[in-house]
Amino acid sequence: MEFAMDRIRKEVMLPDIDSTFRVFAAHWRTVAGDWSYPIHRHPLFEVNLVLEGTQEMCVNGKRYIQKPGDLMLLNPGDPHESRVIGEEDMTYYCLHFDVDEPSFRELLCWNHACFHKAGSPLSEAVRPALDRLLALTSDETAARVDSRMRILSALFELFAGISGTLSGQETDASHSRYSQIASRAASLLEREVEETREGGARDSGDTIASAAAAVGYSPSALNRIFAQVYGMSPRQYLSALMLKKSKLMLMDPELSVEAISARLGYKNIAHFSRQFKRWTGESPSRFRSRYYK
């Protein structure tokens, strides 16, 4: 019997989802009263929660006093340093992450309130997920597949809590205008990557210049707007798209590395291999070997 579309009374579908995230150095730590961490910055988002004791954290030149339950949410590039206040030990939980979902990155990057006291909307929204992650971090079975799936579940719960809270904040007109410009440029970059054919890849500078012209801005102006909305440059976003496409292709055993290189528009396999290793620290064949022995 043929499937008759005209017989469907009602249908509701989830949106397609194609996003990746990475989590780095998630840990809880107890430190002595004379502990301090020097000023530094990194290209990652950071969640920092004090569990016991008191921490002073300086972010972008402004000082905050964190007591138990107080949360810091930092954006990529934020210079920050911390130290213990008082003579007692201090325990905190820290998680660094990166995510390529444009709308989520926009919410995070447009949020300029890094300090959230215990009991605040954001702290309340994410604390259950953080407590789950804390328990899983302490679990000796964390390397097992089932535990890793629980960690993923807790991370998605954390991201949902952050995005749900931040999306309820009011935005100004400039945010809306910049968001539309950056979103259109991101779509153009995504289309360029998707439509790449053998031998047809553009230079990244030309691709970005073309996207800038399409939205009516110079490349430098687009770079500034894009970074303000998404916390990364158009070039970094384009590289992330290419990396994602590369990994998906490498997970297809029917495609040779040489064929993948050609489909992605690289002039030769050596160029592709150098770029992939620059992105990931390993060769395409090494990445593939982790999935197919």
C-alpha atoms as a PDB file:
ATOM      1  CA  MET A   1       0.000   0.000   0.000  1.00  0.00           C
ATOM      2  CA  GLU A   2       1.399   3.370  -0.993  1.00  0.00           C
ATOM      3  CA  PHE A   3       1.848   5.993   1.690  1.00  0.00           C
ATOM      4  CA  ALA A   4      -0.819   8.639   1.049  1.00  0.00           C
ATOM      5  CA  MET A   5       0.325  12.110   2.128  1.00  0.00           C
ATOM      6  CA  ASP A   6      -3.172  13.496   1.605  1.00  0.00           C
ATOM      7  CA  ARG A   7      -4.494  11.195   4.363  1.00  0.00           C
ATOM      8  CA  ILE A   8      -2.379  12.838   7.073  1.00  0.00           C
ATOM      9  CA  ARG A   9      -4.580  14.842   9.435  1.00  0.00           C
ATOM     10  CA  LYS A  10      -1.842  16.438  11.489  1.00  0.00           C
ATOM     11  CA  GLU A  11       1.907  16.172  11.759  1.00  0.00           C
ATOM     12  CA  VAL A  12       4.442  17.843  14.037  1.00  0.00           C
ATOM     13  CA  MET A  13       8.165  17.347  13.486  1.00  0.00           C
ATOM     14  CA  LEU A  14      11.255  18.264  15.458  1.00  0.00           C
ATOM     15  CA  PRO A  15      13.653  20.620  13.647  1.00  0.00           C
ATOM     16  CA  ASP A  16      16.758  19.073  12.103  1.00  0.00           C
ATOM     17  CA  ILE A  17      19.753  19.502  14.410  1.00  0.00           C
ATOM     18  CA  ASP A  18      23.334  19.593  13.200  1.00  0.00           C
ATOM     19  CA  SER A  19      25.570  20.965  15.920  1.00  0.00           C
ATOM     20  CA  THR A  20      28.647  19.890  17.810  1.00  0.00           C
ATOM     21  CA  PHE A  21      30.145  20.859  21.150  1.00  0.00           C
ATOM     22  CA  ARG A  22      33.307  20.125  23.045  1.00  0.00           C
ATOM     23  CA  VAL A  23      33.942  20.060  26.790  1.00  0.00           C
ATOM     24  CA  PHE A  24      37.426  20.571  28.222  1.00  0.00           C
ATOM     25  CA  ALA A  25      38.984  20.102  31.642  1.00  0.00           C
ATOM     26  CA  ALA A  26      35.758  19.760  33.618  1.00  0.00           C
ATOM     27  CA  HIS A  27      36.829  19.271  37.244  1.00  0.00           C
ATOM     28  CA  TRP A  28      36.117  20.024  40.867  1.00  0.00           C
ATOM     29  CA  ARG A  29      39.051  21.041  43.023  1.00  0.00           C
ATOM     30  CA  THR A  30      39.785  21.909  46.643  1.00  0.00           C
ATOM     31  CA  VAL A  31      42.595  24.434  47.177  1.00  0.00           C
ATOM     32  CA  ALA A  32      44.357  25.907  50.197  1.00  0.00           C
ATOM     33  CA  GLY A  33      43.805  29.381  51.599  1.00  0.00           C
ATOM     34  CA  ASP A  34      46.894  30.832  49.909  1.00  0.00           C
ATOM     35  CA  TRP A  35      45.918  29.538  46.429  1.00  0.00           C
ATOM     36  CA  SER A  36      45.656  31.863  43.450  1.00  0.00           C
ATOM     37  CA  TYR A  37      45.505  31.529  39.665  1.00  0.00           C
ATOM     38  CA  PRO A  38      47.180  34.207  37.519  1.00  0.00           C
ATOM     39  CA  ILE A  39      45.400  36.269  34.895  1.00  0.00           C
ATOM     40  CA  HIS A  40      44.767  34.381  31.671  1.00  0.00           C
ATOM     41  CA  ARG A  41      42.307  34.065  28.816  1.00  0.00           C
ATOM     42  CA  HIS A  42      41.221  31.254  26.500  1.00  0.00           C
ATOM     43  CA  PRO A  43      38.966  30.750  23.435  1.00  0.00           C
ATOM     44  CA  LEU A  44      36.335  28.865  25.435  1.00  0.00           C
ATOM     45  CA  PHE A  45      33.214  29.520  27.467  1.00  0.00           C
ATOM     46  CA  GLU A  46      33.631  28.783  31.166  1.00  0.00           C
ATOM     47  CA  VAL A  47      31.273  27.899  33.999  1.00  0.00           C
ATOM     48  CA  ASN A  48      32.793  28.347  37.466  1.00  0.00           C
ATOM     49  CA  LEU A  49      30.822  27.420  40.587  1.00  0.00           C
ATOM     50  CA  VAL A  50      32.036  27.836  44.190  1.00  0.00           C
ATOM     51  CA  LEU A  51      30.970  24.967  46.446  1.00  0.00           C
ATOM     52  CA  GLU A  52      32.761  25.819  49.728  1.00  0.00           C
ATOM     53  CA  GLY A  53      34.774  28.797  50.943  1.00  0.00           C
ATOM     54  CA  THR A  54      35.120  32.143  49.164  1.00  0.00           C
ATOM     55  CA  GLN A  55      36.751  33.045  45.871  1.00  0.00           C
ATOM     56  CA  GLU A  56      37.650  36.438  44.471  1.00  0.00           C
ATOM     57  CA  MET A  57      37.582  36.463  40.685  1.00  0.00           C
ATOM     58  CA  CYS A  58      38.607  39.408  38.539  1.00  0.00           C
ATOM     59  CA  VAL A  59      37.018  39.427  35.067  1.00  0.00           C
ATOM     60  CA  ASN A  60      37.746  42.162  32.528  1.00  0.00           C
ATOM     61  CA  GLY A  61      39.213  44.271  35.325  1.00  0.00           C
ATOM     62  CA  LYS A  62      36.167  44.001  37.615  1.00  0.00           C
ATOM     63  CA  ARG A  63      36.303  42.058  40.888  1.00  0.00           C
ATOM     64  CA  TYR A  64      33.604  39.702  42.148  1.00  0.00           C
ATOM     65  CA  ILE A  65      33.338  37.813  45.448  1.00  0.00           C
ATOM     66  CA  GLN A  66      31.980  34.288  44.983  1.00  0.00           C
ATOM     67  CA  LYS A  67      30.459  32.495  47.925  1.00  0.00           C
ATOM     68  CA  PRO A  68      28.997  28.968  47.883  1.00  0.00           C
ATOM     69  CA  GLY A  69      26.415  28.663  45.128  1.00  0.00           C
ATOM     70  CA  ASP A  70      27.608  31.778  43.256  1.00  0.00           C
ATOM     71  CA  LEU A  71      28.263  31.179  39.568  1.00  0.00           C
ATOM     72  CA  MET A  72      30.514  32.796  36.961  1.00  0.00           C
ATOM     73  CA  LEU A  73      29.747  32.438  33.232  1.00  0.00           C
ATOM     74  CA  LEU A  74      32.672  33.678  31.135  1.00  0.00           C
ATOM     75  CA  ASN A  75      32.917  34.307  27.406  1.00  0.00           C
ATOM     76  CA  PRO A  76      35.861  33.444  25.144  1.00  0.00           C
ATOM     77  CA  GLY A  77      38.696  35.931  25.498  1.00  0.00           C
ATOM     78  CA  ASP A  78      37.602  37.315  28.867  1.00  0.00           C
ATOM     79  CA  PRO A  79      40.795  37.966  30.890  1.00  0.00           C
ATOM     80  CA  HIS A  80      40.307  36.567  34.398  1.00  0.00           C
ATOM     81  CA  GLU A  81      42.212  35.642  37.530  1.00  0.00           C
ATOM     82  CA  SER A  82      41.178  34.228  40.890  1.00  0.00           C
ATOM     83  CA  ARG A  83      42.300  33.687  44.476  1.00  0.00           C
ATOM     84  CA  VAL A  84      40.975  32.366  47.749  1.00  0.00           C
ATOM     85  CA  ILE A  85      39.588  34.870  50.240  1.00  0.00           C
ATOM     86  CA  GLY A  86      40.309  33.966  53.859  1.00  0.00           C
ATOM     87  CA  GLU A  87      42.478  31.231  55.313  1.00  0.00           C
ATOM     88  CA  GLU A  88      40.106  28.312  54.822  1.00  0.00           C
ATOM     89  CA  ASP A  89      40.202  25.879  51.915  1.00  0.00           C
ATOM     90  CA  MET A  90      38.010  26.640  48.907  1.00  0.00           C
ATOM     91  CA  THR A  91      36.259  24.101  46.672  1.00  0.00           C
ATOM     92  CA  TYR A  92      35.006  24.942  43.217  1.00  0.00           C
ATOM     93  CA  TYR A  93      33.764  23.261  40.043  1.00  0.00           C
ATOM     94  CA  CYS A  94      34.966  24.457  36.644  1.00  0.00           C
ATOM     95  CA  LEU A  95      33.904  23.487  33.130  1.00  0.00           C
ATOM     96  CA  HIS A  96      35.160  24.839  29.794  1.00  0.00           C
ATOM     97  CA  PHE A  97      33.148  24.292  26.640  1.00  0.00           C
ATOM     98  CA  ASP A  98      32.759  25.315  23.032  1.00  0.00           C
ATOM     99  CA  VAL A  99      29.682  24.949  20.839  1.00  0.00           C
ATOM    100  CA  ASP A 100      29.043  25.720  17.187  1.00  0.00           C
ATOM    101  CA  GLU A 101      25.266  26.225  17.389  1.00  0.00           C
ATOM    102  CA  PRO A 102      24.941  29.869  16.160  1.00  0.00           C
ATOM    103  CA  SER A 103      21.827  30.798  18.130  1.00  0.00           C
ATOM    104  CA  PHE A 104      23.277  29.428  21.384  1.00  0.00           C
ATOM    105  CA  ARG A 105      26.611  31.166  20.801  1.00  0.00           C
ATOM    106  CA  GLU A 106      24.726  34.395  20.191  1.00  0.00           C
ATOM    107  CA  LEU A 107      22.901  34.130  23.521  1.00  0.00           C
ATOM    108  CA  LEU A 108      26.169  33.430  25.327  1.00  0.00           C
ATOM    109  CA  CYS A 109      28.193  36.172  23.636  1.00  0.00           C
ATOM    110  CA  TRP A 110      25.544  38.845  24.038  1.00  0.00           C
ATOM    111  CA  ASN A 111      25.316  38.116  27.751  1.00  0.00           C
ATOM    112  CA  HIS A 112      27.607  40.567  29.555  1.00  0.00           C
ATOM    113  CA  ALA A 113      26.573  39.640  33.109  1.00  0.00           C
ATOM    114  CA  CYS A 114      29.222  37.128  34.145  1.00  0.00           C
ATOM    115  CA  PHE A 115      28.379  36.987  37.893  1.00  0.00           C
ATOM    116  CA  HIS A 116      25.226  35.170  39.046  1.00  0.00           C
ATOM    117  CA  LYS A 117      24.567  34.873  42.761  1.00  0.00           C
ATOM    118  CA  ALA A 118      23.138  31.761  44.371  1.00  0.00           C
ATOM    119  CA  GLY A 119      19.372  31.890  43.955  1.00  0.00           C
ATOM    120  CA  SER A 120      19.520  33.987  40.782  1.00  0.00           C
ATOM    121  CA  PRO A 121      17.535  32.737  37.748  1.00  0.00           C
ATOM    122  CA  LEU A 122      20.607  31.382  35.951  1.00  0.00           C
ATOM    123  CA  SER A 123      22.109  29.742  39.036  1.00  0.00           C
ATOM    124  CA  GLU A 124      18.791  28.080  39.843  1.00  0.00           C
ATOM    125  CA  ALA A 125      18.327  26.913  36.242  1.00  0.00           C
ATOM    126  CA  VAL A 126      21.705  25.210  35.893  1.00  0.00           C
ATOM    127  CA  ARG A 127      22.433  23.953  39.411  1.00  0.00           C
ATOM    128  CA  PRO A 128      20.646  20.578  38.978  1.00  0.00           C
ATOM    129  CA  ALA A 129      22.720  19.835  35.864  1.00  0.00           C
ATOM    130  CA  LEU A 130      25.927  20.942  37.594  1.00  0.00           C
ATOM    131  CA  ASP A 131      25.149  18.720  40.577  1.00  0.00           C
ATOM    132  CA  ARG A 132      24.705  15.769  38.207  1.00  0.00           C
ATOM    133  CA  LEU A 133      28.024  16.579  36.522  1.00  0.00           C
ATOM    134  CA  LEU A 134      29.708  16.871  39.908  1.00  0.00           C
ATOM    135  CA  ALA A 135      28.488  13.412  40.876  1.00  0.00           C
ATOM    136  CA  LEU A 136      29.597  11.963  37.541  1.00  0.00           C
ATOM    137  CA  THR A 137      33.005  13.658  37.779  1.00  0.00           C
ATOM    138  CA  SER A 138      33.559  11.852  41.069  1.00  0.00           C
ATOM    139  CA  ASP A 139      32.411   8.520  39.624  1.00  0.00           C
ATOM    140  CA  GLU A 140      35.248   6.075  38.950  1.00  0.00           C
ATOM    141  CA  THR A 141      33.161   4.580  36.119  1.00  0.00           C
ATOM    142  CA  ALA A 142      33.067   7.868  34.171  1.00  0.00           C
ATOM    143  CA  ALA A 143      34.985   6.308  31.276  1.00  0.00           C
ATOM    144  CA  ARG A 144      32.270   3.705  30.655  1.00  0.00           C
ATOM    145  CA  VAL A 145      29.889   4.221  27.756  1.00  0.00           C
ATOM    146  CA  ASP A 146      26.771   4.408  29.938  1.00  0.00           C
ATOM    147  CA  SER A 147      28.409   6.994  32.224  1.00  0.00           C
ATOM    148  CA  ARG A 148      29.507   9.042  29.214  1.00  0.00           C
ATOM    149  CA  MET A 149      25.905   9.065  27.983  1.00  0.00           C
ATOM    150  CA  ARG A 150      24.788  10.332  31.400  1.00  0.00           C
ATOM    151  CA  ILE A 151      27.436  13.048  31.179  1.00  0.00           C
ATOM    152  CA  LEU A 152      26.116  14.046  27.757  1.00  0.00           C
ATOM    153  CA  SER A 153      22.576  14.141  29.151  1.00  0.00           C
ATOM    154  CA  ALA A 154      23.691  16.413  32.015  1.00  0.00           C
ATOM    155  CA  LEU A 155      25.574  18.682  29.607  1.00  0.00           C
ATOM    156  CA  PHE A 156      22.516  19.101  27.395  1.00  0.00           C
ATOM    157  CA  GLU A 157      20.502  19.869  30.536  1.00  0.00           C
ATOM    158  CA  LEU A 158      23.127  22.497  31.447  1.00  0.00           C
ATOM    159  CA  PHE A 159      22.996  24.076  27.986  1.00  0.00           C
ATOM    160  CA  ALA A 160      19.202  24.073  28.053  1.00  0.00           C
ATOM    161  CA  GLY A 161      19.228  25.851  31.420  1.00  0.00           C
ATOM    162  CA  ILE A 162      21.654  28.488  30.193  1.00  0.00           C
ATOM    163  CA  SER A 163      19.885  29.112  26.886  1.00  0.00           C
ATOM    164  CA  GLY A 164      16.426  29.100  28.455  1.00  0.00           C
ATOM    165  CA  THR A 165      17.440  31.740  30.992  1.00  0.00           C
ATOM    166  CA  LEU A 166      19.412  33.954  28.624  1.00  0.00           C
ATOM    167  CA  SER A 167      16.748  33.860  25.911  1.00  0.00           C
ATOM    168  CA  GLY A 168      14.333  35.491  28.351  1.00  0.00           C
ATOM    169  CA  GLN A 169      16.476  38.605  28.616  1.00  0.00           C
ATOM    170  CA  GLU A 170      15.493  41.758  26.778  1.00  0.00           C
ATOM    171  CA  THR A 171      17.553  42.760  23.740  1.00  0.00           C
ATOM    172  CA  ASP A 172      18.088  46.189  22.219  1.00  0.00           C
ATOM    173  CA  ALA A 173      17.665  47.276  18.603  1.00  0.00           C
ATOM    174  CA  SER A 174      21.374  47.084  17.809  1.00  0.00           C
ATOM    175  CA  HIS A 175      21.460  43.463  18.971  1.00  0.00           C
ATOM    176  CA  SER A 176      18.590  42.574  16.669  1.00  0.00           C
ATOM    177  CA  ARG A 177      20.203  44.334  13.691  1.00  0.00           C
ATOM    178  CA  TYR A 178      23.636  42.800  14.247  1.00  0.00           C
ATOM    179  CA  SER A 179      22.054  39.403  14.825  1.00  0.00           C
ATOM    180  CA  GLN A 180      20.319  39.515  11.455  1.00  0.00           C
ATOM    181  CA  ILE A 181      23.518  40.542   9.657  1.00  0.00           C
ATOM    182  CA  ALA A 182      25.632  37.853  11.338  1.00  0.00           C
ATOM    183  CA  SER A 183      22.960  35.186  10.830  1.00  0.00           C
ATOM    184  CA  ARG A 184      22.723  35.920   7.117  1.00  0.00           C
ATOM    185  CA  ALA A 185      26.509  35.868   6.754  1.00  0.00           C
ATOM    186  CA  ALA A 186      26.683  32.553   8.651  1.00  0.00           C
ATOM    187  CA  SER A 187      24.089  31.066   6.303  1.00  0.00           C
ATOM    188  CA  LEU A 188      26.109  32.172   3.286  1.00  0.00           C
ATOM    189  CA  LEU A 189      29.257  30.575   4.711  1.00  0.00           C
ATOM    190  CA  GLU A 190      27.359  27.368   5.448  1.00  0.00           C
ATOM    191  CA  ARG A 191      26.004  27.281   1.896  1.00  0.00           C
ATOM    192  CA  GLU A 192      29.494  27.794   0.499  1.00  0.00           C
ATOM    193  CA  VAL A 193      30.792  24.789   2.452  1.00  0.00           C
ATOM    194  CA  GLU A 194      27.812  22.610   1.528  1.00  0.00           C
ATOM    195  CA  GLU A 195      28.113  23.459  -2.166  1.00  0.00           C
ATOM    196  CA  THR A 196      31.866  22.872  -2.337  1.00  0.00           C
ATOM    197  CA  ARG A 197      32.644  20.561  -5.212  1.00  0.00           C
ATOM    198  CA  GLU A 198      35.780  18.827  -6.367  1.00  0.00           C
ATOM    199  CA  GLY A 199      38.408  21.412  -7.188  1.00  0.00           C
ATOM    200  CA  GLY A 200      35.942  24.225  -6.544  1.00  0.00           C
ATOM    201  CA  ALA A 201      36.832  25.533  -3.098  1.00  0.00           C
ATOM    202  CA  ARG A 202      37.406  29.263  -2.833  1.00  0.00           C
ATOM    203  CA  ASP A 203      40.108  30.912  -0.841  1.00  0.00           C
ATOM    204  CA  SER A 204      38.657  31.588   2.620  1.00  0.00           C
ATOM    205  CA  GLY A 205      39.387  35.300   2.239  1.00  0.00           C
ATOM    206  CA  ASP A 206      37.419  35.424  -1.009  1.00  0.00           C
ATOM    207  CA  THR A 207      34.551  33.487   0.569  1.00  0.00           C
ATOM    208  CA  ILE A 208      34.333  35.908   3.499  1.00  0.00           C
ATOM    209  CA  ALA A 209      34.656  38.944   1.211  1.00  0.00           C
ATOM    210  CA  SER A 210      31.799  37.590  -0.899  1.00  0.00           C
ATOM    211  CA  ALA A 211      29.609  37.059   2.186  1.00  0.00           C
ATOM    212  CA  ALA A 212      30.434  40.565   3.422  1.00  0.00           C
ATOM    213  CA  ALA A 213      29.463  42.080   0.072  1.00  0.00           C
ATOM    214  CA  ALA A 214      26.199  40.110   0.072  1.00  0.00           C
ATOM    215  CA  VAL A 215      25.160  41.587   3.429  1.00  0.00           C
ATOM    216  CA  GLY A 216      26.352  45.066   2.465  1.00  0.00           C
ATOM    217  CA  TYR A 217      29.412  45.430   4.686  1.00  0.00           C
ATOM    218  CA  SER A 218      33.180  45.467   4.284  1.00  0.00           C
ATOM    219  CA  PRO A 219      35.061  42.331   5.451  1.00  0.00           C
ATOM    220  CA  SER A 220      36.464  44.220   8.452  1.00  0.00           C
ATOM    221  CA  ALA A 221      33.011  45.468   9.491  1.00  0.00           C
ATOM    222  CA  LEU A 222      31.514  42.003   9.100  1.00  0.00           C
ATOM    223  CA  ASN A 223      34.370  40.561  11.162  1.00  0.00           C
ATOM    224  CA  ARG A 224      33.568  42.977  14.002  1.00  0.00           C
ATOM    225  CA  ILE A 225      29.799  42.316  13.898  1.00  0.00           C
ATOM    226  CA  PHE A 226      30.211  38.551  13.543  1.00  0.00           C
ATOM    227  CA  ALA A 227      32.614  38.380  16.486  1.00  0.00           C
ATOM    228  CA  GLN A 228      30.286  40.482  18.633  1.00  0.00           C
ATOM    229  CA  VAL A 229      27.343  38.178  17.927  1.00  0.00           C
ATOM    230  CA  TYR A 230      29.038  34.766  17.851  1.00  0.00           C
ATOM    231  CA  GLY A 231      32.311  35.295  19.726  1.00  0.00           C
ATOM    232  CA  MET A 232      34.395  34.128  16.747  1.00  0.00           C
ATOM    233  CA  SER A 233      35.499  35.542  13.415  1.00  0.00           C
ATOM    234  CA  PRO A 234      33.927  34.515  10.080  1.00  0.00           C
ATOM    235  CA  ARG A 235      37.212  32.777   9.251  1.00  0.00           C
ATOM    236  CA  GLN A 236      37.049  30.712  12.466  1.00  0.00           C
ATOM    237  CA  TYR A 237      33.409  29.861  11.750  1.00  0.00           C
ATOM    238  CA  LEU A 238      34.289  28.778   8.215  1.00  0.00           C
ATOM    239  CA  SER A 239      37.095  26.575   9.558  1.00  0.00           C
ATOM    240  CA  ALA A 240      34.703  24.985  12.061  1.00  0.00           C
ATOM    241  CA  LEU A 241      32.261  24.178   9.249  1.00  0.00           C
ATOM    242  CA  MET A 242      35.004  22.636   7.140  1.00  0.00           C
ATOM    243  CA  LEU A 243      36.244  20.584  10.078  1.00  0.00           C
ATOM    244  CA  LYS A 244      32.759  19.250  10.790  1.00  0.00           C
ATOM    245  CA  LYS A 245      32.281  18.282   7.143  1.00  0.00           C
ATOM    246  CA  SER A 246      35.724  16.662   7.054  1.00  0.00           C
ATOM    247  CA  LYS A 247      34.985  14.523  10.122  1.00  0.00           C
ATOM    248  CA  LEU A 248      31.626  13.377   8.765  1.00  0.00           C
ATOM    249  CA  MET A 249      33.217  12.331   5.494  1.00  0.00           C
ATOM    250  CA  LEU A 250      36.073  10.544   7.250  1.00  0.00           C
ATOM    251  CA  MET A 251      33.519   8.473   9.154  1.00  0.00           C
ATOM    252  CA  ASP A 252      32.251   7.121   5.815  1.00  0.00           C
ATOM    253  CA  PRO A 253      34.445   4.058   5.089  1.00  0.00           C
ATOM    254  CA  GLU A 254      33.449   4.133   1.421  1.00  0.00           C
ATOM    255  CA  LEU A 255      35.351   7.395   0.856  1.00  0.00           C
ATOM    256  CA  SER A 256      39.121   7.458   0.579  1.00  0.00           C
ATOM    257  CA  VAL A 257      41.047  10.306   2.185  1.00  0.00           C
ATOM    258  CA  GLU A 258      42.098  11.384  -1.300  1.00  0.00           C
ATOM    259  CA  ALA A 259      38.474  11.479  -2.473  1.00  0.00           C
ATOM    260  CA  ILE A 260      37.460  13.479   0.604  1.00  0.00           C
ATOM    261  CA  SER A 261      40.275  15.936  -0.022  1.00  0.00           C
ATOM    262  CA  ALA A 262      39.060  16.458  -3.580  1.00  0.00           C
ATOM    263  CA  ARG A 263      35.394  16.810  -2.576  1.00  0.00           C
ATOM    264  CA  LEU A 264      36.317  19.468  -0.050  1.00  0.00           C
ATOM    265  CA  GLY A 265      38.046  21.423  -2.791  1.00  0.00           C
ATOM    266  CA  TYR A 266      41.656  21.000  -1.707  1.00  0.00           C
ATOM    267  CA  LYS A 267      44.253  20.990  -4.459  1.00  0.00           C
ATOM    268  CA  ASN A 268      45.911  17.845  -3.125  1.00  0.00           C
ATOM    269  CA  ILE A 269      45.748  15.385  -0.250  1.00  0.00           C
ATOM    270  CA  ALA A 270      48.863  16.833   1.405  1.00  0.00           C
ATOM    271  CA  HIS A 271      47.199  20.238   1.744  1.00  0.00           C
ATOM    272  CA  PHE A 272      44.091  18.678   3.282  1.00  0.00           C
ATOM    273  CA  SER A 273      46.154  16.551   5.679  1.00  0.00           C
ATOM    274  CA  ARG A 274      48.161  19.553   6.891  1.00  0.00           C
ATOM    275  CA  GLN A 275      44.995  21.587   7.458  1.00  0.00           C
ATOM    276  CA  PHE A 276      43.199  18.752   9.270  1.00  0.00           C
ATOM    277  CA  LYS A 277      46.191  18.209  11.561  1.00  0.00           C
ATOM    278  CA  ARG A 278      46.315  21.947  12.265  1.00  0.00           C
ATOM    279  CA  TRP A 279      42.654  21.787  13.317  1.00  0.00           C
ATOM    280  CA  THR A 280      42.751  18.588  15.367  1.00  0.00           C
ATOM    281  CA  GLY A 281      46.362  17.700  16.134  1.00  0.00           C
ATOM    282  CA  GLU A 282      46.103  14.418  14.245  1.00  0.00           C
ATOM    283  CA  SER A 283      46.132  13.268  10.630  1.00  0.00           C
ATOM    284  CA  PRO A 284      42.926  12.314   8.765  1.00  0.00           C
ATOM    285  CA  SER A 285      43.999   8.662   8.680  1.00  0.00           C
ATOM    286  CA  ARG A 286      44.677   8.699  12.425  1.00  0.00           C
ATOM    287  CA  PHE A 287      41.226  10.199  13.093  1.00  0.00           C
ATOM    288  CA  ARG A 288      39.600   7.551  10.893  1.00  0.00           C
ATOM    289  CA  SER A 289      41.511   4.716  12.585  1.00  0.00           C
ATOM    290  CA  ARG A 290      39.723   5.476  15.843  1.00  0.00           C
ATOM    291  CA  TYR A 291      36.458   4.409  14.190  1.00  0.00           C
ATOM    292  CA  TYR A 292      37.598   1.759  11.737  1.00  0.00           C
ATOM    293  CA  LYS A 293      40.387  -0.619  12.664  1.00  0.00           C
END
